[in-house]
Amino acid sequence: MRVPIRLDLRDYAQWASSTAAAVEAKSAVAKKQARTAVPSRFGNDGWPQLERYIADQIGKNGGARKFRVDDLSTLLATEPVLLALDGLDEVANLKHRDRVASEIVRTGVRLGADAHNLVIVVATRPGMTTSPLWSSTEFPVFHLQKLTAGLRLQYLQRWTMVAELTQETAGKLLRTFLEHESLPHIRDLASYPMQLAILLHLLHRRGLLPQQRTELYSEYVQTFLDREQTEERNHFSRRTVMSSRTSTPFLGGTFSNRLRALAALAISPGPILSSS
């Protein structure tokens, strides 16, 4: 059994950037020194160390007892630990994302030196690569494969438990999903956990799923943008959201029409979108 520690990297980036800014502001007003030494709990670039944030979060959410970096060191030295770092791609500021990635690599070196048995897992969406992590030999890359039919059912069952659905509602959700999962556009969106979670949310909210691909994708994007626009995840501007909502039907129709034309003509595909 491993002791699991899960952190949202978006929250860490916000905390680290504000903490670093506060230290920089204090240094700027110091009149006695031309420069202020960076505290040891900060990295070489002034970015707060990840261990400090871990200890801070455990202390805030672990009850009345304080939890310090020394306590974290003791835990790592005596127990097998899984450190799950989620949402690297959700760090919207690209400079901050690179600094977070660099800090993860440095953290792995620091903690691995004395850790009893430490596994660090970093999750990010495809395409959101950062050179510090991808160039590190300590972090091999694993690509998630599509969910099998059995895993989709297991995920659905756990999703209904977390959503605290009644047995009757969960059974209805399962039956409706099984009736629709053979449809190509349903099967595509049920291939990965996050997409499947949004699909189940739509299914639970509506009681049925759209039969048309465009309508389903439109509702999927709407739900995704609503998720990203919550107070804690607000890294989209209103203009960007409105642009995404209005362009989705056009893009969906263009892709669909292009693919149908290619299938009918049996020709090799050219550019799907052109500048004209």
Foldseek 3Di string as FASTA:
>chain_A
DAAEDEDEVLVLLVVQVVVLVVVVVVQVPDDPDPGDDQDPQADPVSGGAPLQVSQVVCQVPVPPDHGGSVNVLVCQLPGEHEYEYEDLVLNPPPVSSQVSLLSVVVVCVVSVVRGPHYHYHYDYDPPSDHVSQVVDPVHDDDDDWWDDPVRLVVLLVVLCVVVVPDPVLSVLLVVQCVVPCVQVLNVVQSGDNVSSSLVSVVCSVPVHADPDNLVRVLSSLVSVVVVCCPPSNNPDDPVRSVVCNVCSSVVVVLQVVQVVVCVVVVDDDDDSDDPD
